[in-house]
C-alpha atoms as a PDB file:
ATOM      1  CA  ALA A   1      -0.037  -0.004  -0.012  1.00  0.00           C
ATOM      2  CA  GLN A   2       2.864   2.410   0.802  1.00  0.00           C
ATOM      3  CA  GLU A   3       4.449   1.787  -2.619  1.00  0.00           C
ATOM      4  CA  LEU A   4       1.181   2.577  -4.422  1.00  0.00           C
ATOM      5  CA  ARG A   5       0.619   5.683  -2.380  1.00  0.00           C
ATOM      6  CA  ASP A   6       4.121   6.941  -3.306  1.00  0.00           C
ATOM      7  CA  LEU A   7       3.431   6.433  -7.005  1.00  0.00           C
ATOM      8  CA  ARG A   8       0.169   8.351  -6.828  1.00  0.00           C
ATOM      9  CA  GLU A   9       1.958  11.216  -5.111  1.00  0.00           C
ATOM     10  CA  ALA A  10       4.877  11.340  -7.591  1.00  0.00           C
ATOM     11  CA  PRO A  11       5.824  14.940  -8.152  1.00  0.00           C
ATOM     12  CA  SER A  12       4.981  16.842 -11.299  1.00  0.00           C
ATOM     13  CA  GLY A  13       7.922  17.424 -13.598  1.00  0.00           C
ATOM     14  CA  ASN A  14       8.982  20.633 -15.261  1.00  0.00           C
ATOM     15  CA  VAL A  15       9.599  19.965 -18.952  1.00  0.00           C
ATOM     16  CA  VAL A  16      11.097  23.465 -19.678  1.00  0.00           C
ATOM     17  CA  ARG A  17      14.922  23.469 -19.615  1.00  0.00           C
ATOM     18  CA  ASP A  18      16.617  26.531 -18.042  1.00  0.00           C
ATOM     19  CA  GLY A  19      13.301  28.331 -17.464  1.00  0.00           C
ATOM     20  CA  SER A  20      15.051  30.972 -15.433  1.00  0.00           C
ATOM     21  CA  PHE A  21      17.612  31.624 -18.231  1.00  0.00           C
ATOM     22  CA  GLU A  22      20.495  31.179 -15.773  1.00  0.00           C
ATOM     23  CA  LEU A  23      22.714  29.571 -18.433  1.00  0.00           C
ATOM     24  CA  GLY A  24      22.866  32.995 -20.096  1.00  0.00           C
ATOM     25  CA  THR A  25      23.519  33.590 -23.740  1.00  0.00           C
ATOM     26  CA  PRO A  26      24.090  31.915 -26.075  1.00  0.00           C
ATOM     27  CA  ASN A  27      21.642  29.609 -24.293  1.00  0.00           C
ATOM     28  CA  PRO A  28      21.940  25.877 -24.969  1.00  0.00           C
ATOM     29  CA  PHE A  29      18.189  25.324 -24.622  1.00  0.00           C
ATOM     30  CA  TRP A  30      16.503  28.505 -25.846  1.00  0.00           C
ATOM     31  CA  ALA A  31      16.657  29.744 -29.477  1.00  0.00           C
ATOM     32  CA  GLU A  32      17.107  33.494 -29.164  1.00  0.00           C
ATOM     33  CA  ALA A  33      16.344  36.346 -31.571  1.00  0.00           C
ATOM     34  CA  SER A  34      16.278  40.136 -31.348  1.00  0.00           C
ATOM     35  CA  THR A  35      16.135  42.762 -34.082  1.00  0.00           C
ATOM     36  CA  ASN A  36      18.431  45.233 -32.286  1.00  0.00           C
ATOM     37  CA  PHE A  37      20.242  43.273 -29.526  1.00  0.00           C
ATOM     38  CA  GLY A  38      20.808  39.769 -30.851  1.00  0.00           C
ATOM     39  CA  THR A  39      18.995  38.243 -27.900  1.00  0.00           C
ATOM     40  CA  PRO A  40      16.358  39.310 -25.379  1.00  0.00           C
ATOM     41  CA  LEU A  41      18.236  37.506 -22.641  1.00  0.00           C
ATOM     42  CA  CYS A  42      19.783  39.902 -20.136  1.00  0.00           C
ATOM     43  CA  GLY A  43      21.938  39.188 -17.084  1.00  0.00           C
ATOM     44  CA  PRO A  44      24.506  40.807 -14.833  1.00  0.00           C
ATOM     45  CA  GLY A  45      25.065  44.393 -15.913  1.00  0.00           C
ATOM     46  CA  CYS A  46      21.397  44.984 -16.983  1.00  0.00           C
ATOM     47  CA  SER A  47      19.827  47.941 -15.311  1.00  0.00           C
ATOM     48  CA  VAL A  48      16.734  46.052 -14.125  1.00  0.00           C
ATOM     49  CA  ALA A  49      16.332  43.038 -11.923  1.00  0.00           C
ATOM     50  CA  SER A  50      15.218  39.461 -12.689  1.00  0.00           C
ATOM     51  CA  HIS A  51      12.433  37.776 -10.723  1.00  0.00           C
ATOM     52  CA  THR A  52      14.967  35.251  -9.409  1.00  0.00           C
ATOM     53  CA  GLY A  53      18.612  34.596 -10.145  1.00  0.00           C
ATOM     54  CA  LEU A  54      20.711  36.817 -12.393  1.00  0.00           C
ATOM     55  CA  TRP A  55      19.189  36.257 -15.840  1.00  0.00           C
ATOM     56  CA  PHE A  56      15.825  37.067 -17.417  1.00  0.00           C
ATOM     57  CA  ALA A  57      14.249  37.974 -20.809  1.00  0.00           C
ATOM     58  CA  TRP A  58      13.765  41.666 -21.631  1.00  0.00           C
ATOM     59  CA  PHE A  59      11.552  42.455 -24.628  1.00  0.00           C
ATOM     60  CA  GLY A  60      11.303  45.902 -26.165  1.00  0.00           C
ATOM     61  CA  GLY A  61      13.215  48.583 -24.272  1.00  0.00           C
ATOM     62  CA  ILE A  62      14.035  50.848 -27.239  1.00  0.00           C
ATOM     63  CA  THR A  63      12.334  53.648 -29.216  1.00  0.00           C
ATOM     64  CA  VAL A  64      12.621  51.965 -32.604  1.00  0.00           C
ATOM     65  CA  TYR A  65      10.952  48.796 -33.885  1.00  0.00           C
ATOM     66  CA  GLU A  66      12.099  45.736 -31.963  1.00  0.00           C
ATOM     67  CA  ALA A  67      11.102  42.135 -32.388  1.00  0.00           C
ATOM     68  CA  GLY A  68      12.426  39.552 -29.954  1.00  0.00           C
ATOM     69  CA  SER A  69      11.743  35.954 -29.122  1.00  0.00           C
ATOM     70  CA  VAL A  70      12.916  32.882 -27.271  1.00  0.00           C
ATOM     71  CA  SER A  71      11.686  29.377 -28.047  1.00  0.00           C
ATOM     72  CA  GLN A  72      12.433  25.751 -27.249  1.00  0.00           C
ATOM     73  CA  SER A  73      10.961  22.322 -28.017  1.00  0.00           C
ATOM     74  CA  VAL A  74       9.235  20.655 -25.092  1.00  0.00           C
ATOM     75  CA  THR A  75       7.679  17.239 -24.724  1.00  0.00           C
ATOM     76  CA  ILE A  76       4.597  17.218 -22.505  1.00  0.00           C
ATOM     77  CA  PRO A  77       3.834  13.818 -21.009  1.00  0.00           C
ATOM     78  CA  SER A  78       0.321  12.533 -21.567  1.00  0.00           C
ATOM     79  CA  GLY A  79      -2.066  11.323 -18.907  1.00  0.00           C
ATOM     80  CA  GLY A  80      -2.736  14.333 -16.783  1.00  0.00           C
ATOM     81  CA  PRO A  81      -3.047  18.069 -16.541  1.00  0.00           C
ATOM     82  CA  ALA A  82      -0.255  20.363 -17.680  1.00  0.00           C
ATOM     83  CA  THR A  83       0.246  23.953 -16.610  1.00  0.00           C
ATOM     84  CA  LEU A  84       2.555  26.584 -18.094  1.00  0.00           C
ATOM     85  CA  SER A  85       3.580  29.324 -15.635  1.00  0.00           C
ATOM     86  CA  PHE A  86       5.881  32.275 -15.827  1.00  0.00           C
ATOM     87  CA  TRP A  87       6.548  35.637 -14.177  1.00  0.00           C
ATOM     88  CA  VAL A  88       6.063  38.843 -16.187  1.00  0.00           C
ATOM     89  CA  LYS A  89       6.432  42.536 -15.506  1.00  0.00           C
ATOM     90  CA  ASN A  90       5.109  45.396 -17.715  1.00  0.00           C
ATOM     91  CA  SER A  91       7.305  48.048 -16.109  1.00  0.00           C
ATOM     92  CA  SER A  92       7.104  50.709 -18.803  1.00  0.00           C
ATOM     93  CA  CYS A  93       4.432  50.900 -21.447  1.00  0.00           C
ATOM     94  CA  SER A  94       3.946  53.260 -24.382  1.00  0.00           C
ATOM     95  CA  GLY A  95       0.176  52.939 -24.260  1.00  0.00           C
ATOM     96  CA  ASN A  96       0.244  51.524 -27.841  1.00  0.00           C
ATOM     97  CA  ALA A  97      -1.868  48.333 -27.987  1.00  0.00           C
ATOM     98  CA  ALA A  98       0.194  47.231 -30.980  1.00  0.00           C
ATOM     99  CA  ASP A  99       3.205  46.596 -28.646  1.00  0.00           C
ATOM    100  CA  TYR A 100       2.741  43.050 -27.305  1.00  0.00           C
ATOM    101  CA  LEU A 101       4.273  40.110 -25.545  1.00  0.00           C
ATOM    102  CA  GLU A 102       2.744  36.711 -26.315  1.00  0.00           C
ATOM    103  CA  VAL A 103       3.154  33.105 -25.393  1.00  0.00           C
ATOM    104  CA  LYS A 104       2.508  30.449 -28.014  1.00  0.00           C
ATOM    105  CA  VAL A 105       2.637  26.693 -28.310  1.00  0.00           C
ATOM    106  CA  ASP A 106       2.961  25.382 -31.820  1.00  0.00           C
ATOM    107  CA  GLY A 107       2.043  28.812 -33.183  1.00  0.00           C
ATOM    108  CA  ALA A 108      -1.221  29.093 -31.257  1.00  0.00           C
ATOM    109  CA  GLN A 109      -1.390  32.121 -29.017  1.00  0.00           C
ATOM    110  CA  LEU A 110      -2.189  31.074 -25.432  1.00  0.00           C
ATOM    111  CA  TRP A 111      -1.563  34.361 -23.616  1.00  0.00           C
ATOM    112  CA  VAL A 112      -0.862  37.983 -24.546  1.00  0.00           C
ATOM    113  CA  THR A 113      -0.310  41.348 -22.914  1.00  0.00           C
ATOM    114  CA  THR A 114       0.026  44.724 -24.611  1.00  0.00           C
ATOM    115  CA  ALA A 115       1.444  48.168 -23.794  1.00  0.00           C
ATOM    116  CA  ALA A 116      -2.185  49.239 -23.132  1.00  0.00           C
ATOM    117  CA  ASP A 117      -2.793  46.522 -20.502  1.00  0.00           C
ATOM    118  CA  PRO A 118      -4.032  47.673 -17.057  1.00  0.00           C
ATOM    119  CA  ALA A 119      -0.959  45.918 -15.593  1.00  0.00           C
ATOM    120  CA  CYS A 120       1.294  48.426 -17.317  1.00  0.00           C
ATOM    121  CA  ASN A 121       3.778  50.533 -15.340  1.00  0.00           C
ATOM    122  CA  THR A 122       3.721  48.018 -12.509  1.00  0.00           C
ATOM    123  CA  PRO A 123       7.137  47.769 -10.762  1.00  0.00           C
ATOM    124  CA  THR A 124       6.786  44.128  -9.677  1.00  0.00           C
ATOM    125  CA  TYR A 125       6.510  40.744 -11.390  1.00  0.00           C
ATOM    126  CA  ARG A 126       3.208  38.859 -11.426  1.00  0.00           C
ATOM    127  CA  GLN A 127       2.724  35.170 -12.010  1.00  0.00           C
ATOM    128  CA  VAL A 128       0.689  33.983 -15.029  1.00  0.00           C
ATOM    129  CA  THR A 129      -0.571  30.404 -15.426  1.00  0.00           C
ATOM    130  CA  VAL A 130      -2.012  28.849 -18.540  1.00  0.00           C
ATOM    131  CA  ASP A 131      -3.593  25.406 -18.894  1.00  0.00           C
ATOM    132  CA  VAL A 132      -1.726  23.499 -21.682  1.00  0.00           C
ATOM    133  CA  SER A 133      -3.272  20.098 -21.048  1.00  0.00           C
ATOM    134  CA  ALA A 134      -4.467  19.998 -24.692  1.00  0.00           C
ATOM    135  CA  TYR A 135      -0.783  19.535 -25.650  1.00  0.00           C
ATOM    136  CA  ALA A 136      -0.055  16.742 -23.104  1.00  0.00           C
ATOM    137  CA  ASN A 137       0.359  13.895 -25.610  1.00  0.00           C
ATOM    138  CA  ASP A 138       4.011  12.709 -25.329  1.00  0.00           C
ATOM    139  CA  ALA A 139       4.854  14.659 -28.486  1.00  0.00           C
ATOM    140  CA  ALA A 140       7.272  17.547 -29.021  1.00  0.00           C
ATOM    141  CA  HIS A 141       5.786  21.021 -29.129  1.00  0.00           C
ATOM    142  CA  VAL A 142       7.384  24.464 -29.719  1.00  0.00           C
ATOM    143  CA  LEU A 143       7.011  26.849 -26.808  1.00  0.00           C
ATOM    144  CA  GLU A 144       7.683  30.428 -28.010  1.00  0.00           C
ATOM    145  CA  ILE A 145       7.672  33.725 -26.212  1.00  0.00           C
ATOM    146  CA  LYS A 146       7.607  36.569 -28.658  1.00  0.00           C
ATOM    147  CA  SER A 147       7.303  40.384 -28.609  1.00  0.00           C
ATOM    148  CA  GLU A 148       7.096  43.270 -31.013  1.00  0.00           C
ATOM    149  CA  THR A 149       7.319  46.923 -30.007  1.00  0.00           C
ATOM    150  CA  PHE A 150       6.976  49.744 -32.541  1.00  0.00           C
ATOM    151  CA  GLY A 151       9.008  52.566 -30.998  1.00  0.00           C
ATOM    152  CA  ALA A 152       8.160  56.270 -30.487  1.00  0.00           C
ATOM    153  CA  ALA A 153       7.795  55.574 -26.750  1.00  0.00           C
ATOM    154  CA  VAL A 154       9.478  52.767 -24.774  1.00  0.00           C
ATOM    155  CA  THR A 155       7.695  49.587 -23.879  1.00  0.00           C
ATOM    156  CA  SER A 156       9.526  47.030 -21.768  1.00  0.00           C
ATOM    157  CA  PHE A 157       8.215  43.569 -20.974  1.00  0.00           C
ATOM    158  CA  PHE A 158      10.272  41.401 -18.569  1.00  0.00           C
ATOM    159  CA  LEU A 159       9.814  37.637 -18.251  1.00  0.00           C
ATOM    160  CA  ASP A 160      11.450  35.059 -15.955  1.00  0.00           C
ATOM    161  CA  ASP A 161      10.983  31.650 -14.324  1.00  0.00           C
ATOM    162  CA  VAL A 162       9.169  29.757 -17.059  1.00  0.00           C
ATOM    163  CA  ALA A 163       7.877  26.321 -16.014  1.00  0.00           C
ATOM    164  CA  LEU A 164       5.681  23.757 -17.610  1.00  0.00           C
ATOM    165  CA  ASN A 165       4.579  21.183 -15.082  1.00  0.00           C
ATOM    166  CA  ALA A 166       2.865  18.029 -16.177  1.00  0.00           C
ATOM    167  CA  ASN A 167       1.205  15.390 -13.951  1.00  0.00           C
ATOM    168  CA  TRP A 168       2.900  12.156 -14.973  1.00  0.00           C
ATOM    169  CA  VAL A 169       0.824   9.662 -13.018  1.00  0.00           C
ATOM    170  CA  THR A 170      -2.543   8.314 -14.227  1.00  0.00           C
ATOM    171  CA  VAL A 171      -4.738   5.311 -13.671  1.00  0.00           C
ATOM    172  CA  ASP A 172      -5.738   3.261 -16.732  1.00  0.00           C
ATOM    173  CA  GLY A 173      -9.102   1.641 -17.294  1.00  0.00           C
ATOM    174  CA  ALA A 174      -8.011  -1.501 -15.484  1.00  0.00           C
ATOM    175  CA  GLY A 175      -7.052   0.453 -12.334  1.00  0.00           C
ATOM    176  CA  ASN A 176      -3.275   0.222 -13.014  1.00  0.00           C
ATOM    177  CA  PHE A 177      -1.035   3.124 -12.257  1.00  0.00           C
ATOM    178  CA  ARG A 178       0.816   4.543 -15.309  1.00  0.00           C
ATOM    179  CA  GLY A 179       3.405   7.289 -15.186  1.00  0.00           C
ATOM    180  CA  TYR A 180       6.909   7.687 -13.939  1.00  0.00           C
ATOM    181  CA  ALA A 181       8.746   6.229 -10.972  1.00  0.00           C
ATOM    182  CA  TRP A 182      12.109   7.161  -9.409  1.00  0.00           C
ATOM    183  CA  SER A 183      15.046   4.784  -9.726  1.00  0.00           C
ATOM    184  CA  GLU A 184      18.303   5.504  -7.882  1.00  0.00           C
ATOM    185  CA  ASN A 185      20.290   4.263 -10.891  1.00  0.00           C
ATOM    186  CA  LEU A 186      18.193   5.531 -13.781  1.00  0.00           C
ATOM    187  CA  GLY A 187      16.316   8.626 -12.451  1.00  0.00           C
ATOM    188  CA  TRP A 188      12.650   8.990 -13.516  1.00  0.00           C
ATOM    189  CA  ILE A 189      11.635   5.986 -15.626  1.00  0.00           C
ATOM    190  CA  LYS A 190       8.265   5.591 -17.457  1.00  0.00           C
ATOM    191  CA  PHE A 191       6.153   2.570 -16.619  1.00  0.00           C
END
């Protein structure tokens, strides 16, 4: 009974690699792009603070057109709910609704904020969570965070601590537990 209880209470697993961007740039897990800066990843020496650690993603921040993005392939285990979470700050906003920061999976927009959002000009990070259970199918998906700002006035979006947690333990129609178990020699193994 103890063994079954432990399997049912197996922890969720974060499928995003380096979600706090602490490996810096060039990042081995995130594809990075920026029209003006080469990358939106910013670390020690930046004039603003991350949510945690030293690195974060800074989108916009300039009075000319800027497009920036980070993306990575993630495989979301099937069999349970999956939640994407991240911390975002709209610290300075132009008021132009065309300036945006969006989060997409496989090209489908799941969340967006603009420079006209009521959360604009807020000095602190806020956590955002999005249900991505529809993508929990043991297949690879592209997670992309993208922004465009159009200049004239500065818009800055800050993002940090990206996590995609999936529940790996389910019960099949016969009442058998399916999911992952911990092995001292192998780490998490699928059963």
